[in-house]
Amino acid sequence: MGQVGINDGPLFPEKELGWLVYEGYEGLGYATEAAAALRDWARRALGCSGLVSYIDPDNRASIRVAERLGAALDLTAPKQDEGDLVYRHGRKV
């Protein structure tokens, strides 16, 4: 159906909560449910209190997922790619 993951490394200024949904499974809530579960697990098990999602501004579906997860647009955050939007996930589970 898709994938979720925590991305971290030299191309990512901060730890990223990322997701993708395969064709045919969009709009069914899988990305939101899986990303919320991974976010909450990462906070508890790994102590990841600060996660962001880097999103192309044309990707309305991913923006909606980030917003459903309670993430807020952070206009001052460093970006993976200059054109990205950065959505910051709150620190509470």
N, C-alpha and C. Protein backbone atom coordinates (compact mmCIF):
# COMPACT_ATOMS: atom_id res chain seq x y z
N MET A 1 0.81 -1.20 0.00
CA MET A 1 0.00 0.00 0.00
C MET A 1 0.85 1.26 0.00
N GLY A 2 2.04 1.18 0.61
CA GLY A 2 2.90 2.35 0.67
C GLY A 2 4.01 2.15 1.67
N GLN A 3 4.62 3.26 2.06
CA GLN A 3 5.74 3.21 2.99
C GLN A 3 5.71 4.44 3.89
N VAL A 4 6.21 4.26 5.11
CA VAL A 4 6.51 5.38 6.00
C VAL A 4 7.92 5.17 6.52
N GLY A 5 8.58 6.24 6.90
CA GLY A 5 9.92 6.09 7.42
C GLY A 5 10.41 7.34 8.10
N ILE A 6 11.46 7.18 8.90
CA ILE A 6 12.17 8.30 9.49
C ILE A 6 13.46 8.43 8.68
N ASN A 7 13.61 9.54 8.00
CA ASN A 7 14.79 9.80 7.17
C ASN A 7 15.73 10.72 7.93
N ASP A 8 17.01 10.36 7.90
CA ASP A 8 18.01 11.16 8.58
C ASP A 8 19.33 10.94 7.85
N GLY A 9 20.06 11.97 7.68
CA GLY A 9 21.33 11.84 6.99
C GLY A 9 21.78 13.17 6.44
N PRO A 10 22.83 13.17 5.64
CA PRO A 10 23.42 14.43 5.20
C PRO A 10 22.50 15.28 4.32
N LEU A 11 21.50 14.69 3.67
CA LEU A 11 20.59 15.48 2.83
C LEU A 11 19.43 16.06 3.61
N PHE A 12 19.30 15.68 4.88
CA PHE A 12 18.16 16.10 5.69
C PHE A 12 18.63 16.97 6.85
N PRO A 13 18.25 18.25 6.88
CA PRO A 13 18.66 19.12 7.98
C PRO A 13 18.14 18.64 9.34
N GLU A 14 16.96 17.98 9.34
CA GLU A 14 16.36 17.45 10.56
C GLU A 14 15.80 16.07 10.25
N LYS A 15 15.49 15.32 11.29
CA LYS A 15 14.86 14.01 11.06
C LYS A 15 13.49 14.22 10.43
N GLU A 16 13.26 13.48 9.34
CA GLU A 16 12.02 13.64 8.59
C GLU A 16 11.11 12.43 8.79
N LEU A 17 9.85 12.72 9.05
CA LEU A 17 8.79 11.71 9.00
C LEU A 17 8.23 11.77 7.58
N GLY A 18 8.47 10.72 6.82
CA GLY A 18 8.06 10.71 5.42
C GLY A 18 7.10 9.57 5.12
N TRP A 19 6.35 9.72 4.04
CA TRP A 19 5.39 8.70 3.63
C TRP A 19 5.19 8.76 2.13
N LEU A 20 4.76 7.64 1.60
CA LEU A 20 4.30 7.60 0.21
C LEU A 20 3.27 6.50 0.10
N VAL A 21 2.32 6.71 -0.80
CA VAL A 21 1.24 5.75 -1.00
C VAL A 21 1.27 5.33 -2.46
N TYR A 22 1.19 4.03 -2.67
CA TYR A 22 1.20 3.52 -4.03
C TYR A 22 -0.12 3.82 -4.73
N GLU A 23 -0.03 3.92 -6.04
CA GLU A 23 -1.20 4.20 -6.87
C GLU A 23 -2.32 3.21 -6.56
N GLY A 24 -3.51 3.75 -6.43
CA GLY A 24 -4.67 2.93 -6.14
C GLY A 24 -5.04 2.88 -4.66
N TYR A 25 -4.14 3.36 -3.80
CA TYR A 25 -4.39 3.35 -2.36
C TYR A 25 -4.47 4.76 -1.77
N GLU A 26 -4.45 5.78 -2.64
CA GLU A 26 -4.51 7.16 -2.18
C GLU A 26 -5.90 7.47 -1.62
N GLY A 27 -5.93 8.39 -0.66
CA GLY A 27 -7.21 8.90 -0.16
C GLY A 27 -7.96 7.98 0.77
N LEU A 28 -7.33 6.92 1.24
CA LEU A 28 -8.02 5.95 2.10
C LEU A 28 -7.58 6.05 3.57
N GLY A 29 -6.70 7.00 3.87
CA GLY A 29 -6.27 7.21 5.24
C GLY A 29 -5.07 6.39 5.67
N TYR A 30 -4.51 5.58 4.77
CA TYR A 30 -3.38 4.73 5.15
C TYR A 30 -2.15 5.54 5.54
N ALA A 31 -1.85 6.58 4.79
CA ALA A 31 -0.66 7.38 5.08
C ALA A 31 -0.79 8.04 6.46
N THR A 32 -1.94 8.60 6.74
CA THR A 32 -2.14 9.27 8.02
C THR A 32 -2.02 8.28 9.17
N GLU A 33 -2.67 7.14 9.05
CA GLU A 33 -2.64 6.14 10.12
C GLU A 33 -1.23 5.60 10.34
N ALA A 34 -0.55 5.25 9.28
CA ALA A 34 0.80 4.68 9.40
C ALA A 34 1.79 5.73 9.91
N ALA A 35 1.71 6.95 9.40
CA ALA A 35 2.64 8.00 9.83
C ALA A 35 2.41 8.36 11.29
N ALA A 36 1.17 8.39 11.74
CA ALA A 36 0.88 8.68 13.15
C ALA A 36 1.46 7.59 14.04
N ALA A 37 1.30 6.33 13.63
CA ALA A 37 1.84 5.22 14.43
C ALA A 37 3.36 5.29 14.50
N LEU A 38 4.01 5.56 13.37
CA LEU A 38 5.48 5.65 13.36
C LEU A 38 5.95 6.85 14.17
N ARG A 39 5.30 7.99 14.01
CA ARG A 39 5.66 9.19 14.77
C ARG A 39 5.59 8.92 16.28
N ASP A 40 4.49 8.32 16.71
CA ASP A 40 4.31 8.06 18.14
C ASP A 40 5.33 7.03 18.64
N TRP A 41 5.60 6.01 17.85
CA TRP A 41 6.60 5.01 18.23
C TRP A 41 7.99 5.65 18.32
N ALA A 42 8.34 6.48 17.33
CA ALA A 42 9.66 7.13 17.31
C ALA A 42 9.84 8.03 18.54
N ARG A 43 8.79 8.67 18.95
CA ARG A 43 8.87 9.51 20.14
C ARG A 43 9.12 8.67 21.39
N ARG A 44 8.35 7.58 21.53
CA ARG A 44 8.48 6.74 22.72
C ARG A 44 9.77 5.93 22.71
N ALA A 45 10.02 5.22 21.64
CA ALA A 45 11.13 4.26 21.60
C ALA A 45 12.49 4.90 21.31
N LEU A 46 12.50 5.94 20.48
CA LEU A 46 13.76 6.54 20.07
C LEU A 46 14.01 7.92 20.66
N GLY A 47 13.01 8.47 21.33
CA GLY A 47 13.16 9.80 21.89
C GLY A 47 13.19 10.91 20.85
N CYS A 48 12.63 10.66 19.67
CA CYS A 48 12.59 11.67 18.60
C CYS A 48 11.48 12.68 18.90
N SER A 49 11.85 13.76 19.53
CA SER A 49 10.83 14.76 19.87
C SER A 49 10.63 15.77 18.76
N GLY A 50 11.59 15.93 17.87
CA GLY A 50 11.47 16.90 16.80
C GLY A 50 11.52 16.22 15.44
N LEU A 51 10.38 16.14 14.79
CA LEU A 51 10.31 15.57 13.44
C LEU A 51 9.69 16.60 12.52
N VAL A 52 10.12 16.60 11.28
CA VAL A 52 9.53 17.45 10.26
C VAL A 52 9.16 16.59 9.05
N SER A 53 8.36 17.15 8.18
CA SER A 53 8.07 16.52 6.89
C SER A 53 8.36 17.55 5.81
N TYR A 54 9.19 17.17 4.85
CA TYR A 54 9.52 18.03 3.71
C TYR A 54 8.56 17.68 2.58
N ILE A 55 7.79 18.68 2.12
CA ILE A 55 6.72 18.41 1.17
C ILE A 55 6.79 19.39 0.00
N ASP A 56 6.67 18.86 -1.20
CA ASP A 56 6.57 19.69 -2.40
C ASP A 56 5.27 20.49 -2.30
N PRO A 57 5.31 21.79 -2.55
CA PRO A 57 4.10 22.61 -2.40
C PRO A 57 2.95 22.20 -3.32
N ASP A 58 3.24 21.47 -4.40
CA ASP A 58 2.18 21.01 -5.30
C ASP A 58 1.55 19.70 -4.82
N ASN A 59 2.09 19.09 -3.78
CA ASN A 59 1.59 17.81 -3.30
C ASN A 59 0.52 18.05 -2.23
N ARG A 60 -0.67 18.41 -2.69
CA ARG A 60 -1.78 18.76 -1.78
C ARG A 60 -2.15 17.58 -0.88
N ALA A 61 -2.07 16.35 -1.39
CA ALA A 61 -2.43 15.19 -0.58
C ALA A 61 -1.50 15.05 0.62
N SER A 62 -0.19 15.23 0.41
CA SER A 62 0.75 15.13 1.53
C SER A 62 0.60 16.29 2.50
N ILE A 63 0.27 17.45 2.00
CA ILE A 63 0.01 18.58 2.89
C ILE A 63 -1.17 18.26 3.79
N ARG A 64 -2.23 17.68 3.22
CA ARG A 64 -3.40 17.31 4.02
C ARG A 64 -3.04 16.25 5.07
N VAL A 65 -2.19 15.28 4.70
CA VAL A 65 -1.75 14.28 5.68
C VAL A 65 -1.02 14.97 6.82
N ALA A 66 -0.07 15.83 6.51
CA ALA A 66 0.69 16.54 7.55
C ALA A 66 -0.25 17.31 8.47
N GLU A 67 -1.22 17.99 7.89
CA GLU A 67 -2.16 18.76 8.70
C GLU A 67 -3.04 17.86 9.56
N ARG A 68 -3.47 16.72 9.02
CA ARG A 68 -4.26 15.77 9.83
C ARG A 68 -3.43 15.21 10.97
N LEU A 69 -2.12 15.13 10.79
CA LEU A 69 -1.23 14.66 11.85
C LEU A 69 -0.97 15.74 12.89
N GLY A 70 -1.45 16.94 12.65
CA GLY A 70 -1.26 18.04 13.59
C GLY A 70 0.01 18.83 13.35
N ALA A 71 0.69 18.60 12.24
CA ALA A 71 1.92 19.33 11.93
C ALA A 71 1.57 20.75 11.46
N ALA A 72 2.47 21.66 11.73
CA ALA A 72 2.27 23.05 11.35
C ALA A 72 3.38 23.50 10.40
N LEU A 73 3.02 24.30 9.44
CA LEU A 73 3.98 24.86 8.49
C LEU A 73 4.99 25.71 9.24
N ASP A 74 6.27 25.45 9.02
CA ASP A 74 7.36 26.19 9.67
C ASP A 74 8.14 26.92 8.58
N LEU A 75 7.87 28.19 8.42
CA LEU A 75 8.49 28.97 7.35
C LEU A 75 9.96 29.30 7.62
N THR A 76 10.42 29.09 8.85
CA THR A 76 11.81 29.42 9.20
C THR A 76 12.73 28.20 9.23
N ALA A 77 12.19 27.01 9.05
CA ALA A 77 12.99 25.78 9.15
C ALA A 77 13.91 25.63 7.95
N PRO A 78 15.10 25.05 8.19
CA PRO A 78 15.97 24.72 7.05
C PRO A 78 15.29 23.66 6.18
N LYS A 79 15.59 23.70 4.89
CA LYS A 79 14.90 22.82 3.95
C LYS A 79 15.86 21.82 3.32
N GLN A 80 15.30 20.66 2.96
CA GLN A 80 16.05 19.67 2.21
C GLN A 80 16.26 20.18 0.79
N ASP A 81 15.22 20.74 0.22
CA ASP A 81 15.24 21.31 -1.13
C ASP A 81 14.62 22.70 -1.02
N GLU A 82 15.19 23.68 -1.68
CA GLU A 82 14.75 25.07 -1.53
C GLU A 82 13.26 25.25 -1.80
N GLY A 83 12.68 24.44 -2.65
CA GLY A 83 11.26 24.58 -2.98
C GLY A 83 10.31 23.90 -2.01
N ASP A 84 10.83 23.12 -1.07
CA ASP A 84 9.98 22.37 -0.14
C ASP A 84 9.26 23.27 0.85
N LEU A 85 8.13 22.76 1.31
CA LEU A 85 7.49 23.28 2.51
C LEU A 85 7.96 22.38 3.65
N VAL A 86 8.11 22.94 4.85
CA VAL A 86 8.51 22.15 6.00
C VAL A 86 7.37 22.17 7.01
N TYR A 87 6.84 21.01 7.31
CA TYR A 87 5.79 20.87 8.32
C TYR A 87 6.41 20.26 9.56
N ARG A 88 6.24 20.95 10.69
CA ARG A 88 6.83 20.51 11.96
C ARG A 88 5.77 19.81 12.80
N HIS A 89 6.12 18.61 13.23
CA HIS A 89 5.22 17.81 14.06
C HIS A 89 5.40 18.21 15.52
N GLY A 90 4.30 18.43 16.21
CA GLY A 90 4.34 18.84 17.61
C GLY A 90 5.06 17.83 18.47
N ARG A 91 5.39 18.21 19.66
CA ARG A 91 6.20 17.39 20.54
C ARG A 91 5.38 16.46 21.42
N LYS A 92 4.06 16.61 21.47
CA LYS A 92 3.25 15.74 22.33
C LYS A 92 2.73 14.54 21.56
N VAL A 93 2.57 13.42 22.26
CA VAL A 93 1.97 12.22 21.65
C VAL A 93 0.49 12.27 21.91
